[in-house]
Amino acid sequence: MEPVDDWRATLAESGELSGPIAAAIVAEHGDRGKRAIEAVGDRRVKRYRDFTVVVGYDDEYVVEEGECTCADATYNLDSDDPSERCWHAIAVDVADAVDAVDHHDMWYSEVREFL
């Protein structure tokens, strides 16, 4: 297996999360990459009519246009560096590329009221 230089392009082309692509994600993002891959495998990326949500360990996080509402994205990442992303945003990218998003035909804002 050849190493993957650009996991996003390779994943978009193949539509499949192979070992080399997963290794490239982890190489670029470390533990955040591992968590993202785990979330996709567990089908924790959910798309509602109004938001895409990733179910985390303690809460659910809204991801819109690559931006996330989690504390990691808010406090720990360099907003000027587009390669620094929280695991929730990475999970959305991966789930979109491999068609692993759990679609819900309802408004998340309404569902959230019950959580």
Protein backbone atom coordinates (compact mmCIF):
# COMPACT_ATOMS: atom_id res chain seq x y z
CA MET A 1 0.00 0.00 0.00
CA GLU A 2 1.31 3.37 -0.99
CA PRO A 3 1.24 6.24 1.48
CA VAL A 4 -1.33 8.97 0.86
CA ASP A 5 -0.10 12.56 0.53
CA ASP A 6 -3.46 14.35 0.37
CA TRP A 7 -6.09 12.37 2.25
CA ARG A 8 -8.92 14.70 1.26
CA ALA A 9 -8.30 14.33 -2.48
CA THR A 10 -7.70 10.59 -2.25
CA LEU A 11 -10.81 10.08 -0.14
CA ALA A 12 -12.94 12.19 -2.50
CA GLU A 13 -11.66 10.17 -5.45
CA SER A 14 -12.12 6.74 -3.89
CA GLY A 15 -15.16 7.38 -1.70
CA GLU A 16 -13.79 4.75 0.65
CA LEU A 17 -11.87 5.03 3.92
CA SER A 18 -8.92 2.72 3.28
CA GLY A 19 -6.05 1.97 5.65
CA PRO A 20 -3.62 4.36 3.94
CA ILE A 21 -6.19 7.17 3.98
CA ALA A 22 -6.94 6.58 7.68
CA ALA A 23 -3.19 6.58 8.37
CA ALA A 24 -2.83 9.89 6.52
CA ILE A 25 -5.68 11.42 8.54
CA VAL A 26 -4.03 10.31 11.79
CA ALA A 27 -0.60 11.49 10.59
CA GLU A 28 -1.99 14.97 9.88
CA HIS A 29 -4.39 15.32 12.82
CA GLY A 30 -3.17 12.88 15.49
CA ASP A 31 -5.71 12.01 18.17
CA ARG A 32 -8.28 14.32 16.55
CA GLY A 33 -8.02 12.21 13.39
CA LYS A 34 -8.49 8.98 15.35
CA ARG A 35 -11.58 10.35 17.07
CA ALA A 36 -13.02 11.55 13.74
CA ILE A 37 -12.59 8.12 12.16
CA GLU A 38 -14.18 6.49 15.20
CA ALA A 39 -17.17 8.87 15.03
CA VAL A 40 -17.72 8.08 11.35
CA GLY A 41 -17.52 4.34 12.06
CA ASP A 42 -20.06 4.74 14.86
CA ARG A 43 -22.40 6.77 12.58
CA ARG A 44 -22.28 9.78 14.92
CA VAL A 45 -22.35 12.35 12.11
CA LYS A 46 -25.96 13.39 11.70
CA ARG A 47 -27.44 15.79 9.19
CA TYR A 48 -30.69 17.55 9.97
CA ARG A 49 -32.57 20.09 7.84
CA ASP A 50 -30.79 22.98 9.52
CA PHE A 51 -27.46 21.64 10.82
CA THR A 52 -24.91 18.89 10.67
CA VAL A 53 -24.23 17.57 14.15
CA VAL A 54 -21.53 15.31 15.51
CA VAL A 55 -22.39 13.39 18.64
CA GLY A 56 -19.45 13.77 20.98
CA TYR A 57 -18.69 12.11 24.28
CA ASP A 58 -20.39 14.73 26.43
CA ASP A 59 -22.56 16.72 24.05
CA GLU A 60 -23.56 17.23 20.43
CA TYR A 61 -21.67 19.79 18.34
CA VAL A 62 -22.93 21.75 15.35
CA VAL A 63 -20.55 21.86 12.38
CA GLU A 64 -21.28 24.42 9.68
CA GLU A 65 -18.98 25.18 6.75
CA GLY A 66 -16.06 23.51 8.52
CA GLU A 67 -16.56 25.46 11.75
CA CYS A 68 -17.56 23.74 14.99
CA THR A 69 -19.17 24.88 18.23
CA CYS A 70 -16.93 22.74 20.49
CA ALA A 71 -14.51 24.20 23.05
CA ASP A 72 -11.51 22.70 21.23
CA ALA A 73 -12.31 24.68 18.07
CA THR A 74 -13.10 27.81 20.08
CA TYR A 75 -10.08 27.86 22.42
CA ASN A 76 -7.32 25.54 21.21
CA LEU A 77 -7.08 25.85 17.45
CA ASP A 78 -5.43 28.58 15.39
CA SER A 79 -8.26 30.10 13.38
CA ASP A 80 -5.71 31.41 10.84
CA ASP A 81 -4.49 27.87 10.10
CA PRO A 82 -7.09 25.95 8.05
CA SER A 83 -5.28 22.65 8.69
CA GLU A 84 -6.05 22.89 12.40
CA ARG A 85 -9.51 21.42 12.85
CA CYS A 86 -11.35 19.74 15.69
CA TRP A 87 -12.27 16.09 15.34
CA HIS A 88 -15.93 16.95 14.82
CA ALA A 89 -15.18 18.98 11.67
CA ILE A 90 -12.80 16.28 10.39
CA ALA A 91 -15.50 13.65 10.99
CA VAL A 92 -17.98 15.63 8.87
CA ASP A 93 -15.47 15.81 6.00
CA VAL A 94 -14.82 12.07 6.16
CA ALA A 95 -18.49 11.12 6.55
CA ASP A 96 -19.48 13.30 3.59
CA ALA A 97 -16.77 11.75 1.40
CA VAL A 98 -17.74 8.14 2.20
CA ASP A 99 -21.51 8.73 2.33
CA ALA A 100 -21.69 7.82 6.01
CA VAL A 101 -23.80 10.73 7.22
CA ASP A 102 -26.92 9.72 9.14
CA HIS A 103 -29.69 11.85 7.55
CA HIS A 104 -32.71 12.99 9.56
CA ASP A 105 -35.64 14.71 7.88
CA MET A 106 -36.31 17.04 10.79
CA TRP A 107 -35.03 20.27 12.27
CA TYR A 108 -32.19 19.85 14.76
CA SER A 109 -33.28 23.00 16.53
CA GLU A 110 -36.55 21.21 17.40
CA VAL A 111 -34.80 17.97 18.41
CA ARG A 112 -32.35 19.88 20.60
CA GLU A 113 -35.23 21.15 22.77
CA PHE A 114 -35.78 17.57 23.98
CA LEU A 115 -32.13 16.85 24.84
